PDB file of N, CA and C in Angstrom:
ATOM      1  N   MET A   1       7.938 -16.075 148.486  1.00  0.00           N
ATOM      2  CA  MET A   1       8.149 -15.005 149.501  1.00  0.00           C
ATOM      3  C   MET A   1       7.069 -13.831 149.174  1.00  0.00           C
ATOM      4  N   GLY A   2       6.251 -13.764 149.969  1.00  0.00           N
ATOM      5  CA  GLY A   2       5.318 -12.735 149.960  1.00  0.00           C
ATOM      6  C   GLY A   2       5.763 -11.345 150.400  1.00  0.00           C
ATOM      7  N   ARG A   3       4.863 -10.438 150.568  1.00  0.00           N
ATOM      8  CA  ARG A   3       5.292  -9.128 151.037  1.00  0.00           C
ATOM      9  C   ARG A   3       5.822  -9.171 152.412  1.00  0.00           C
ATOM     10  N   MET A   4       5.119  -9.934 153.326  1.00  0.00           N
ATOM     11  CA  MET A   4       5.620 -10.088 154.636  1.00  0.00           C
ATOM     12  C   MET A   4       7.003 -10.600 154.668  1.00  0.00           C
ATOM     13  N   GLY A   5       7.262 -11.588 153.912  1.00  0.00           N
ATOM     14  CA  GLY A   5       8.713 -12.136 154.005  1.00  0.00           C
ATOM     15  C   GLY A   5       9.760 -11.109 153.596  1.00  0.00           C
ATOM     16  N   ILE A   6       9.470 -10.361 152.693  1.00  0.00           N
ATOM     17  CA  ILE A   6      10.347  -9.216 152.214  1.00  0.00           C
ATOM     18  C   ILE A   6      10.611  -8.264 153.448  1.00  0.00           C
ATOM     19  N   LEU A   7       9.488  -7.841 154.030  1.00  0.00           N
ATOM     20  CA  LEU A   7       9.645  -6.929 155.130  1.00  0.00           C
ATOM     21  C   LEU A   7      10.472  -7.524 156.266  1.00  0.00           C
ATOM     22  N   GLN A   8      10.286  -8.849 156.634  1.00  0.00           N
ATOM     23  CA  GLN A   8      11.018  -9.435 157.577  1.00  0.00           C
ATOM     24  C   GLN A   8      12.486  -9.490 157.294  1.00  0.00           C
ATOM     25  N   ASN A   9      12.767  -9.755 156.069  1.00  0.00           N
ATOM     26  CA  ASN A   9      14.207  -9.672 155.494  1.00  0.00           C
ATOM     27  C   ASN A   9      14.809  -8.356 155.737  1.00  0.00           C
ATOM     28  N   ILE A  10      14.012  -7.368 155.341  1.00  0.00           N
ATOM     29  CA  ILE A  10      14.638  -5.970 155.475  1.00  0.00           C
ATOM     30  C   ILE A  10      14.873  -5.629 157.035  1.00  0.00           C
ATOM     31  N   GLN A  11      13.913  -6.217 157.857  1.00  0.00           N
ATOM     32  CA  GLN A  11      14.213  -5.898 159.335  1.00  0.00           C
ATOM     33  C   GLN A  11      15.462  -6.579 159.852  1.00  0.00           C
ATOM     34  N   LYS A  12      15.592  -7.871 159.361  1.00  0.00           N
ATOM     35  CA  LYS A  12      16.748  -8.662 159.745  1.00  0.00           C
ATOM     36  C   LYS A  12      18.021  -7.942 159.275  1.00  0.00           C
ATOM     37  N   ASN A  13      18.002  -7.446 158.060  1.00  0.00           N
ATOM     38  CA  ASN A  13      19.168  -6.781 157.509  1.00  0.00           C
ATOM     39  C   ASN A  13      19.546  -5.554 158.420  1.00  0.00           C
ATOM     40  N   LYS A  14      18.477  -4.877 158.761  1.00  0.00           N
ATOM     41  CA  LYS A  14      18.726  -3.632 159.570  1.00  0.00           C
ATOM     42  C   LYS A  14      19.443  -3.946 160.874  1.00  0.00           C
ATOM     43  N   ILE A  15      18.903  -5.086 161.500  1.00  0.00           N
ATOM     44  CA  ILE A  15      19.452  -5.484 162.824  1.00  0.00           C
ATOM     45  C   ILE A  15      20.971  -5.908 162.627  1.00  0.00           C
ATOM     46  N   VAL A  16      21.112  -6.659 161.629  1.00  0.00           N
ATOM     47  CA  VAL A  16      22.648  -7.180 161.405  1.00  0.00           C
ATOM     48  C   VAL A  16      23.447  -6.019 160.963  1.00  0.00           C
ATOM     49  N   PHE A  17      22.978  -5.030 160.270  1.00  0.00           N
ATOM     50  CA  PHE A  17      23.822  -3.788 159.980  1.00  0.00           C
ATOM     51  C   PHE A  17      24.072  -2.971 161.202  1.00  0.00           C
ATOM     52  N   SER A  18      23.074  -2.787 162.110  1.00  0.00           N
ATOM     53  CA  SER A  18      23.306  -1.794 163.205  1.00  0.00           C
ATOM     54  C   SER A  18      24.278  -2.631 164.238  1.00  0.00           C
ATOM     55  N   LEU A  19      24.178  -4.059 164.213  1.00  0.00           N
ATOM     56  CA  LEU A  19      25.027  -4.819 165.166  1.00  0.00           C
ATOM     57  C   LEU A  19      26.401  -4.634 164.627  1.00  0.00           C
ATOM     58  N   ARG A  20      26.676  -4.725 163.320  1.00  0.00           N
ATOM     59  CA  ARG A  20      28.023  -4.579 162.746  1.00  0.00           C
ATOM     60  C   ARG A  20      28.561  -3.197 163.071  1.00  0.00           C
ATOM     61  N   LEU A  21      27.599  -2.134 162.856  1.00  0.00           N
ATOM     62  CA  LEU A  21      28.196  -0.751 163.256  1.00  0.00           C
ATOM     63  C   LEU A  21      28.573  -0.686 164.729  1.00  0.00           C
ATOM     64  N   TYR A  22      27.853  -1.254 165.590  1.00  0.00           N
ATOM     65  CA  TYR A  22      28.093  -1.351 166.940  1.00  0.00           C
ATOM     66  C   TYR A  22      29.356  -1.978 167.275  1.00  0.00           C
ATOM     67  N   TYR A  23      29.618  -3.100 166.771  1.00  0.00           N
ATOM     68  CA  TYR A  23      30.850  -3.857 166.986  1.00  0.00           C
ATOM     69  C   TYR A  23      32.028  -3.187 166.337  1.00  0.00           C
ATOM     70  N   ASN A  24      31.872  -2.525 165.242  1.00  0.00           N
ATOM     71  CA  ASN A  24      32.910  -1.831 164.623  1.00  0.00           C
ATOM     72  C   ASN A  24      33.380  -0.623 165.645  1.00  0.00           C
ATOM     73  N   LYS A  25      32.451   0.018 166.152  1.00  0.00           N
ATOM     74  CA  LYS A  25      32.796   1.108 167.091  1.00  0.00           C
ATOM     75  C   LYS A  25      33.432   0.685 168.401  1.00  0.00           C
ATOM     76  N   THR A  26      32.989  -0.404 168.900  1.00  0.00           N
ATOM     77  CA  THR A  26      33.615  -0.995 170.037  1.00  0.00           C
ATOM     78  C   THR A  26      34.970  -1.537 169.705  1.00  0.00           C
ATOM     79  N   ASP A  27      35.213  -1.988 168.593  1.00  0.00           N
ATOM     80  CA  ASP A  27      36.566  -2.513 168.150  1.00  0.00           C
ATOM     81  C   ASP A  27      37.446  -1.359 168.080  1.00  0.00           C
ATOM     82  N   ASN A  28      37.045  -0.196 167.675  1.00  0.00           N
ATOM     83  CA  ASN A  28      37.889   0.952 167.488  1.00  0.00           C
ATOM     84  C   ASN A  28      38.349   1.451 169.004  1.00  0.00           C
ATOM     85  N   PHE A  29      37.590   1.295 169.849  1.00  0.00           N
ATOM     86  CA  PHE A  29      37.834   1.772 171.317  1.00  0.00           C
ATOM     87  C   PHE A  29      38.955   0.819 172.018  1.00  0.00           C
ATOM     88  N   ILE A  30      38.789  -0.432 171.606  1.00  0.00           N
ATOM     89  CA  ILE A  30      39.731  -1.327 172.306  1.00  0.00           C
ATOM     90  C   ILE A  30      41.182  -1.158 171.753  1.00  0.00           C
TER      91      ILE A  30
END
């Protein structure tokens, strides 16, 4: 894993985290 791999991992984690936050908000509304 080079530096690029780590950066890609961080970006993936950010996307997953924001998706979880989004779904949590929509769950609360339902």
